[in-house]
Protein backbone atom coordinates (compact mmCIF):
# COMPACT_ATOMS: atom_id res chain seq x y z
CA GLU A 1 47.41 -50.97 98.37
CA GLY A 2 46.51 -47.51 99.63
CA GLU A 3 43.05 -46.42 100.50
CA THR A 4 40.86 -44.72 97.93
CA LEU A 5 39.63 -41.17 98.31
CA SER A 6 36.09 -42.40 98.95
CA GLU A 7 37.37 -44.77 101.67
CA PHE A 8 39.30 -41.90 103.24
CA VAL A 9 36.25 -39.62 103.20
CA GLU A 10 34.02 -42.36 104.62
CA ALA A 11 36.49 -43.07 107.43
CA SER A 12 36.76 -39.36 108.21
CA VAL A 13 32.99 -38.92 108.31
CA ARG A 14 32.58 -41.99 110.53
CA ALA A 15 35.29 -40.73 112.89
CA GLY A 16 33.61 -37.32 113.07
CA VAL A 17 30.25 -38.89 113.86
CA GLU A 18 31.85 -41.02 116.59
CA ARG A 19 33.61 -37.97 118.12
CA ARG A 20 30.33 -36.06 118.22
CA ARG A 21 28.54 -39.04 119.81
CA ILE A 22 31.21 -39.38 122.49
CA GLN A 23 31.16 -35.63 123.14
CA ALA A 24 27.36 -35.61 123.44
CA GLU A 25 27.49 -38.50 125.93
CA PHE A 26 30.16 -36.66 127.93
CA VAL A 27 28.04 -33.50 128.08
CA ALA A 28 24.94 -35.52 129.04
CA ARG A 29 26.84 -37.19 131.92
CA GLY A 30 28.06 -33.79 133.08
CA LEU A 31 24.56 -32.33 133.03
CA ARG A 32 23.18 -35.32 134.95
CA SER A 33 25.95 -34.92 137.51
CA ARG A 34 25.23 -31.21 137.84
CA ASP A 35 21.53 -31.87 138.31
CA GLU A 36 22.24 -34.54 140.94
CA ALA A 37 24.56 -32.17 142.81
CA ARG A 38 21.90 -29.47 142.78
CA ARG A 39 19.26 -31.93 143.96
CA THR A 40 21.33 -33.33 146.82
CA GLY A 41 23.40 -30.25 147.63
CA ASN A 42 26.45 -32.54 147.54
CA TYR A 43 29.21 -30.64 145.75
CA VAL A 44 32.97 -31.07 145.70
CA ASP A 45 34.92 -27.87 145.30
CA ALA A 46 37.08 -27.80 142.17
CA ASP A 47 40.14 -26.80 144.21
CA VAL A 48 39.72 -29.94 146.34
CA VAL A 49 39.52 -32.16 143.26
CA LEU A 50 42.54 -30.49 141.66
CA ALA A 51 44.57 -30.84 144.87
CA LYS A 52 43.79 -34.58 145.05
CA LEU A 53 44.74 -35.02 141.41
CA GLN A 54 47.98 -33.10 141.97
CA ARG A 55 48.89 -35.36 144.92
CA LYS A 56 48.25 -38.46 142.79
CA LEU A 57 50.41 -37.03 140.01
CA ASP A 58 53.20 -36.20 142.47
CA VAL A 59 53.16 -39.76 143.86
CA ALA A 60 53.20 -41.26 140.35
CA ARG A 61 56.13 -39.06 139.34
CA LYS A 62 58.10 -40.05 142.45
CA GLN A 63 57.47 -43.74 141.74
CA LEU A 64 58.54 -43.31 138.14
CA ALA A 65 61.70 -41.47 139.20
CA LYS A 66 62.58 -44.33 141.59
CA LYS A 67 62.12 -46.91 138.82
CA SER A 68 64.33 -45.03 136.38
CA ARG A 69 67.32 -44.88 138.75
């Protein structure tokens, strides 16, 4: 059987509430991290983080290319 309209609406509302909760937790973690960085003066430049992530992605792509040969 398919779901009823009320079940669909309830599921949608619950999913929306969960998304907002997760987003609020994400923002709270970011604000705590920002405050800690300000307190300690320990920052990591965004360009440094992006470069490290790019290197990891490049390595993963090379490994994937080797596996697919």
